[in-house]
């Protein structure tokens, strides 16, 4: 009997007090991850190899120069960028990542968008890609922005039978201000934004987010030399209007806003640079009865664009 008892004790079966464990084993574990995310799957091995190649491969910009892809790092920034429609090529996910709500939402948004590759990578590889930043297991690769040429904005407006309405930024270095200007240009029927190639904000992921998706339909052009670009606009029949605290007239008095015009906005601290200010046909000011000394570029551009849209109606 003792031998029989030993044989029976070796059998696997329910143990006393194991009910909770069995119930836990029956609980669902969520949707099956895509093949690229499943360790050992052929597509997972291919994805890992592509991830290493992509991380090392330089990316060439479109018209306006060369550059490398931008990385959005961290769970909250990645989810916010995907929500706002920031263009992206690849979502890198750390192997064996703690799968919380933000990770699941990032995977869902990337899958719904289409065209975004899902790549699983080990933590050391993500650390190397982000130069040791706290990526929290999520990294979104944003391709270099393809800038238009300043002349393209005028040509597109004339092709549509409309008077060009363009905003040029002089010395604005905050990408969020650029994004806000792009959003205002889109809202008031403008034809684009011009920024200098150097010492100026570019279309980074931050600018895309602030534009609230309008950057997808409002072109941003990059000028090698802003003064020469404005002079070319003048030769094409476009009036150049600069915003300045000491402007000769108020914005509401300027009839030039009814026709082809480029509105030049300087930085909040320094305003227009000397050469750009001298190139302007008119220098106007925004009345501020409340006593504020200045407005940031996004707000100032919005005020003038509203006045231009009102006159054009």
Protein backbone atom coordinates (compact mmCIF):
# COMPACT_ATOMS: atom_id res chain seq x y z
CA UNK A 1 0.00 0.00 0.00
CA UNK A 2 2.81 2.34 0.78
CA UNK A 3 4.22 1.83 -2.69
CA UNK A 4 0.83 2.50 -4.19
CA UNK A 5 0.53 5.68 -2.18
CA UNK A 6 3.90 6.86 -3.48
CA UNK A 7 2.86 6.20 -7.07
CA UNK A 8 -0.42 8.04 -6.59
CA UNK A 9 1.29 11.02 -4.95
CA UNK A 10 3.40 11.44 -8.09
CA UNK A 11 0.33 12.06 -10.24
CA UNK A 12 -0.42 15.63 -11.25
CA UNK A 13 -3.77 16.97 -10.20
CA UNK A 14 -5.58 19.66 -8.26
CA UNK A 15 -3.92 20.51 -4.98
CA UNK A 16 -5.58 21.84 -1.86
CA UNK A 17 -5.91 25.62 -2.05
CA UNK A 18 -5.03 25.85 -5.77
CA UNK A 19 -8.39 27.15 -6.97
CA UNK A 20 -7.19 30.76 -7.25
CA UNK A 21 -4.20 29.72 -9.34
CA UNK A 22 -6.36 27.71 -11.72
CA UNK A 23 -8.78 30.60 -12.15
CA UNK A 24 -5.86 32.94 -12.84
CA UNK A 25 -4.60 30.56 -15.49
CA UNK A 26 -7.96 30.75 -17.25
CA UNK A 27 -7.94 34.55 -17.44
CA UNK A 28 -7.41 36.15 -20.85
CA UNK A 29 -4.04 37.70 -21.63
CA UNK A 30 -5.27 40.26 -24.14
CA UNK A 31 -5.02 40.26 -27.94
CA UNK A 32 -2.27 38.29 -29.62
CA UNK A 33 0.60 40.65 -30.50
CA UNK A 34 1.54 40.97 -34.19
CA UNK A 35 4.06 38.51 -35.59
CA UNK A 36 6.78 41.19 -35.60
CA UNK A 37 6.48 41.39 -31.80
CA UNK A 38 6.48 37.64 -31.02
CA UNK A 39 9.90 36.38 -29.99
CA UNK A 40 11.09 33.48 -32.10
CA UNK A 41 8.75 34.21 -35.00
CA UNK A 42 10.38 34.59 -38.43
CA UNK A 43 8.92 38.08 -38.88
CA UNK A 44 10.29 39.04 -35.46
CA UNK A 45 13.83 38.11 -36.51
CA UNK A 46 13.45 40.04 -39.76
CA UNK A 47 12.07 43.07 -37.89
CA UNK A 48 14.99 43.05 -35.45
CA UNK A 49 17.48 42.95 -38.31
CA UNK A 50 15.72 45.84 -40.06
CA UNK A 51 15.63 47.83 -36.82
CA UNK A 52 19.41 47.69 -36.50
CA UNK A 53 19.86 48.69 -40.14
CA UNK A 54 17.38 51.56 -39.94
CA UNK A 55 18.93 52.93 -36.75
CA UNK A 56 22.31 53.23 -38.46
CA UNK A 57 21.16 54.41 -41.89
CA UNK A 58 21.34 58.19 -42.62
CA UNK A 59 18.23 59.77 -44.07
CA UNK A 60 18.37 62.44 -46.77
CA UNK A 61 15.99 65.37 -46.53
CA UNK A 62 13.88 66.55 -49.40
CA UNK A 63 14.38 70.02 -50.84
CA UNK A 64 16.13 72.12 -48.25
CA UNK A 65 19.16 70.12 -47.19
CA UNK A 66 20.17 66.89 -45.53
CA UNK A 67 19.53 65.60 -42.08
CA UNK A 68 18.75 62.58 -39.98
CA UNK A 69 15.49 61.30 -38.63
CA UNK A 70 14.16 62.70 -35.38
CA UNK A 71 13.35 60.43 -32.45
CA UNK A 72 10.36 60.96 -30.17
CA UNK A 73 11.28 59.29 -26.90
CA UNK A 74 9.13 58.11 -23.97
CA UNK A 75 5.68 56.58 -23.60
CA UNK A 76 3.62 59.76 -23.17
CA UNK A 77 5.42 61.74 -25.94
CA UNK A 78 5.11 58.83 -28.37
CA UNK A 79 1.39 58.36 -27.71
CA UNK A 80 0.75 62.12 -28.01
CA UNK A 81 2.69 62.29 -31.28
CA UNK A 82 0.68 59.41 -32.73
CA UNK A 83 -2.58 60.98 -31.57
CA UNK A 84 -1.72 64.27 -33.31
CA UNK A 85 -0.85 62.58 -36.58
CA UNK A 86 2.87 63.34 -36.49
CA UNK A 87 4.34 61.54 -39.53
CA UNK A 88 6.38 58.51 -38.53
CA UNK A 89 8.14 55.64 -40.21
CA UNK A 90 8.94 53.25 -37.37
CA UNK A 91 7.78 52.51 -33.82
CA UNK A 92 10.49 50.77 -31.81
CA UNK A 93 9.30 48.70 -28.86
CA UNK A 94 11.65 47.28 -26.26
CA UNK A 95 11.77 43.52 -25.87
CA UNK A 96 9.95 42.18 -22.81
CA UNK A 97 8.42 45.61 -22.17
CA UNK A 98 5.93 46.11 -19.33
CA UNK A 99 2.73 46.26 -21.37
CA UNK A 100 0.68 49.12 -19.87
CA UNK A 101 -2.14 51.22 -21.38
CA UNK A 102 0.23 53.63 -23.13
CA UNK A 103 2.14 50.84 -24.82
CA UNK A 104 -1.09 49.21 -25.99
CA UNK A 105 -2.43 52.54 -27.29
CA UNK A 106 0.81 53.27 -29.14
CA UNK A 107 0.67 49.87 -30.84
CA UNK A 108 -3.01 50.35 -31.69
CA UNK A 109 -2.52 53.86 -33.12
CA UNK A 110 0.50 52.79 -35.16
CA UNK A 111 -1.46 49.85 -36.54
CA UNK A 112 -4.47 51.99 -37.43
CA UNK A 113 -2.37 54.64 -39.16
CA UNK A 114 -0.70 52.21 -41.52
CA UNK A 115 2.72 52.71 -43.03
CA UNK A 116 4.43 52.63 -39.61
CA UNK A 117 6.74 49.67 -39.11
CA UNK A 118 6.71 47.93 -35.73
CA UNK A 119 10.19 46.94 -34.65
CA UNK A 120 11.16 45.09 -31.47
CA UNK A 121 14.64 45.91 -30.17
CA UNK A 122 16.63 45.06 -27.04
CA UNK A 123 17.06 47.79 -24.46
CA UNK A 124 20.79 48.36 -25.18
CA UNK A 125 19.93 49.06 -28.82
CA UNK A 126 17.27 51.64 -27.84
CA UNK A 127 19.70 53.19 -25.36
CA UNK A 128 22.23 53.59 -28.16
CA UNK A 129 19.68 55.04 -30.59
CA UNK A 130 18.50 57.65 -28.07
CA UNK A 131 21.93 58.45 -26.57
CA UNK A 132 20.89 57.11 -23.20
CA UNK A 133 17.63 59.07 -22.83
CA UNK A 134 14.83 57.64 -20.70
CA UNK A 135 12.86 56.11 -23.58
CA UNK A 136 10.71 53.87 -21.33
CA UNK A 137 10.75 51.22 -24.03
CA UNK A 138 9.08 53.30 -26.78
CA UNK A 139 10.83 55.26 -29.54
CA UNK A 140 9.08 56.78 -32.56
CA UNK A 141 11.14 57.61 -35.64
CA UNK A 142 9.99 60.76 -37.46
CA UNK A 143 11.33 61.30 -40.99
CA UNK A 144 12.97 64.58 -42.01
CA UNK A 145 10.40 67.16 -43.12
CA UNK A 146 10.27 67.85 -46.86
CA UNK A 147 10.34 71.63 -47.13
CA UNK A 148 8.88 73.50 -50.07
CA UNK A 149 10.72 76.27 -51.89
CA UNK A 150 9.56 79.85 -51.13
CA UNK A 151 8.62 80.37 -54.78
CA UNK A 152 6.34 77.33 -54.66
CA UNK A 153 3.99 79.05 -52.19
CA UNK A 154 3.36 82.04 -54.47
CA UNK A 155 3.04 79.85 -57.57
CA UNK A 156 0.47 77.60 -55.88
CA UNK A 157 -1.66 80.58 -54.82
CA UNK A 158 -1.63 82.12 -58.29
CA UNK A 159 -2.44 78.74 -59.85
CA UNK A 160 -5.57 78.64 -57.68
CA UNK A 161 -6.54 82.14 -58.82
CA UNK A 162 -5.96 83.57 -55.33
CA UNK A 163 -3.79 86.35 -53.93
CA UNK A 164 -0.93 84.86 -51.92
CA UNK A 165 -1.22 85.12 -48.13
CA UNK A 166 2.06 83.97 -46.60
CA UNK A 167 3.76 84.31 -43.22
CA UNK A 168 7.56 84.55 -42.95
CA UNK A 169 9.31 84.06 -39.61
CA UNK A 170 12.48 86.00 -38.80
CA UNK A 171 14.53 84.63 -35.91
CA UNK A 172 11.75 82.50 -34.38
CA UNK A 173 13.50 79.55 -32.73
CA UNK A 174 10.72 77.84 -30.77
CA UNK A 175 9.17 74.95 -32.76
CA UNK A 176 5.91 75.40 -30.85
CA UNK A 177 5.62 78.94 -32.19
CA UNK A 178 6.20 77.64 -35.70
CA UNK A 179 3.50 75.02 -35.20
CA UNK A 180 1.08 77.66 -33.91
CA UNK A 181 1.75 79.86 -36.95
CA UNK A 182 1.15 76.94 -39.31
CA UNK A 183 -2.15 76.30 -37.54
CA UNK A 184 -3.21 79.95 -37.89
CA UNK A 185 -2.21 80.09 -41.57
CA UNK A 186 -4.35 77.03 -42.21
CA UNK A 187 -7.29 78.41 -40.23
CA UNK A 188 -7.38 81.75 -42.08
CA UNK A 189 -6.84 80.47 -45.60
CA UNK A 190 -3.13 81.24 -45.97
CA UNK A 191 -0.84 79.57 -48.47
CA UNK A 192 2.17 78.68 -46.37
CA UNK A 193 4.98 79.66 -44.03
CA UNK A 194 8.59 80.58 -44.80
CA UNK A 195 11.44 80.03 -42.34
CA UNK A 196 15.18 80.71 -42.69
CA UNK A 197 17.49 77.74 -43.07
CA UNK A 198 19.69 78.76 -40.14
CA UNK A 199 19.07 79.94 -36.59
CA UNK A 200 15.36 79.25 -36.85
CA UNK A 201 12.82 76.67 -35.76
CA UNK A 202 12.18 73.78 -38.11
CA UNK A 203 9.36 71.31 -38.55
CA UNK A 204 10.22 69.00 -35.69
CA UNK A 205 7.83 66.63 -33.96
CA UNK A 206 7.05 69.45 -31.50
CA UNK A 207 6.04 71.78 -34.32
CA UNK A 208 3.88 69.06 -35.85
CA UNK A 209 2.09 68.48 -32.55
CA UNK A 210 1.39 72.19 -32.00
CA UNK A 211 0.03 72.51 -35.53
CA UNK A 212 -2.65 69.96 -34.54
CA UNK A 213 -2.31 68.13 -37.84
CA UNK A 214 -2.62 71.22 -40.07
CA UNK A 215 1.03 70.86 -41.14
CA UNK A 216 -0.14 68.01 -43.35
CA UNK A 217 -1.95 70.48 -45.64
CA UNK A 218 -0.09 73.78 -45.07
CA UNK A 219 3.38 73.84 -46.67
CA UNK A 220 6.43 75.21 -44.92
CA UNK A 221 9.22 76.54 -47.12
CA UNK A 222 12.83 77.01 -46.13
CA UNK A 223 14.83 79.97 -47.45
CA UNK A 224 18.62 79.93 -47.65
CA UNK A 225 18.50 83.71 -47.22
CA UNK A 226 15.26 85.24 -45.94
CA UNK A 227 16.04 88.75 -47.21
CA UNK A 228 16.60 87.52 -50.76
CA UNK A 229 13.43 85.44 -50.58
CA UNK A 230 11.43 88.53 -49.59
CA UNK A 231 13.00 90.53 -52.41
CA UNK A 232 11.97 87.78 -54.85
CA UNK A 233 8.41 88.02 -53.50
CA UNK A 234 8.41 91.76 -54.13
CA UNK A 235 9.51 91.22 -57.72
CA UNK A 236 6.59 88.79 -58.11
CA UNK A 237 4.17 91.53 -57.02
CA UNK A 238 3.74 90.48 -53.40
CA UNK A 239 3.71 93.23 -50.74
CA UNK A 240 6.01 92.58 -47.77
CA UNK A 241 4.54 93.70 -44.43
CA UNK A 242 6.65 93.53 -41.28
CA UNK A 243 5.27 93.53 -37.74
CA UNK A 244 7.13 95.93 -35.43
CA UNK A 245 6.32 97.59 -32.14
CA UNK A 246 7.33 100.95 -33.67
CA UNK A 247 5.44 100.44 -36.92
CA UNK A 248 4.21 103.51 -38.78
CA UNK A 249 0.58 102.36 -38.88
CA UNK A 250 -1.77 99.94 -37.15
CA UNK A 251 -2.65 96.60 -38.72
CA UNK A 252 -6.31 97.55 -39.13
CA UNK A 253 -5.35 100.54 -41.32
CA UNK A 254 -3.35 98.53 -43.88
CA UNK A 255 -5.24 98.05 -47.15
CA UNK A 256 -2.36 95.97 -48.55
CA UNK A 257 -3.73 92.97 -46.61
CA UNK A 258 -6.50 92.73 -49.20
CA UNK A 259 -4.04 91.74 -51.96
CA UNK A 260 -0.98 89.50 -52.37
CA UNK A 261 1.00 89.85 -49.17
CA UNK A 262 3.65 88.21 -47.04
CA UNK A 263 3.52 89.01 -43.32
CA UNK A 264 6.90 88.97 -41.61
CA UNK A 265 6.96 88.19 -37.88
CA UNK A 266 10.11 88.55 -35.80
CA UNK A 267 11.08 86.98 -32.50
CA UNK A 268 9.33 88.15 -29.34
CA UNK A 269 12.53 89.54 -27.85
CA UNK A 270 14.48 91.05 -30.75
CA UNK A 271 11.74 91.66 -33.32
CA UNK A 272 12.73 91.99 -36.98
CA UNK A 273 16.39 91.91 -37.92
CA UNK A 274 17.79 95.05 -39.55
CA UNK A 275 18.05 93.76 -43.12
CA UNK A 276 14.63 92.13 -43.05
CA UNK A 277 13.07 95.28 -41.59
CA UNK A 278 14.62 97.39 -44.35
CA UNK A 279 13.25 95.03 -47.01
CA UNK A 280 9.63 95.44 -45.84
CA UNK A 281 7.31 97.69 -47.86
CA UNK A 282 5.37 98.51 -44.68
CA UNK A 283 6.04 98.18 -40.96
CA UNK A 284 2.87 97.94 -38.90
CA UNK A 285 2.05 97.47 -35.25
CA UNK A 286 -0.66 95.61 -33.39
CA UNK A 287 -2.48 97.93 -30.94
CA UNK A 288 -2.38 96.55 -27.40
CA UNK A 289 -4.45 98.76 -25.07
CA UNK A 290 -3.84 96.34 -22.23
CA UNK A 291 -0.24 97.49 -21.97
CA UNK A 292 1.59 94.30 -23.01
CA UNK A 293 4.94 95.04 -24.58
CA UNK A 294 4.85 92.24 -27.14
CA UNK A 295 3.11 89.08 -28.34
CA UNK A 296 4.72 85.79 -29.24
CA UNK A 297 4.99 84.92 -32.91
CA UNK A 298 2.05 82.53 -32.93
CA UNK A 299 -0.39 85.03 -31.43
CA UNK A 300 0.87 88.00 -33.49
CA UNK A 301 0.56 86.06 -36.74
CA UNK A 302 -2.95 84.95 -35.81
CA UNK A 303 -4.09 88.55 -35.21
CA UNK A 304 -2.83 89.79 -38.59
CA UNK A 305 -4.08 86.73 -40.47
CA UNK A 306 -7.54 87.27 -39.03
CA UNK A 307 -7.52 90.90 -40.22
CA UNK A 308 -6.37 89.80 -43.69
CA UNK A 309 -9.07 87.12 -43.90
CA UNK A 310 -11.72 89.63 -42.73
CA UNK A 311 -10.74 92.13 -45.42
CA UNK A 312 -10.65 89.47 -48.13
CA UNK A 313 -14.19 88.31 -47.36
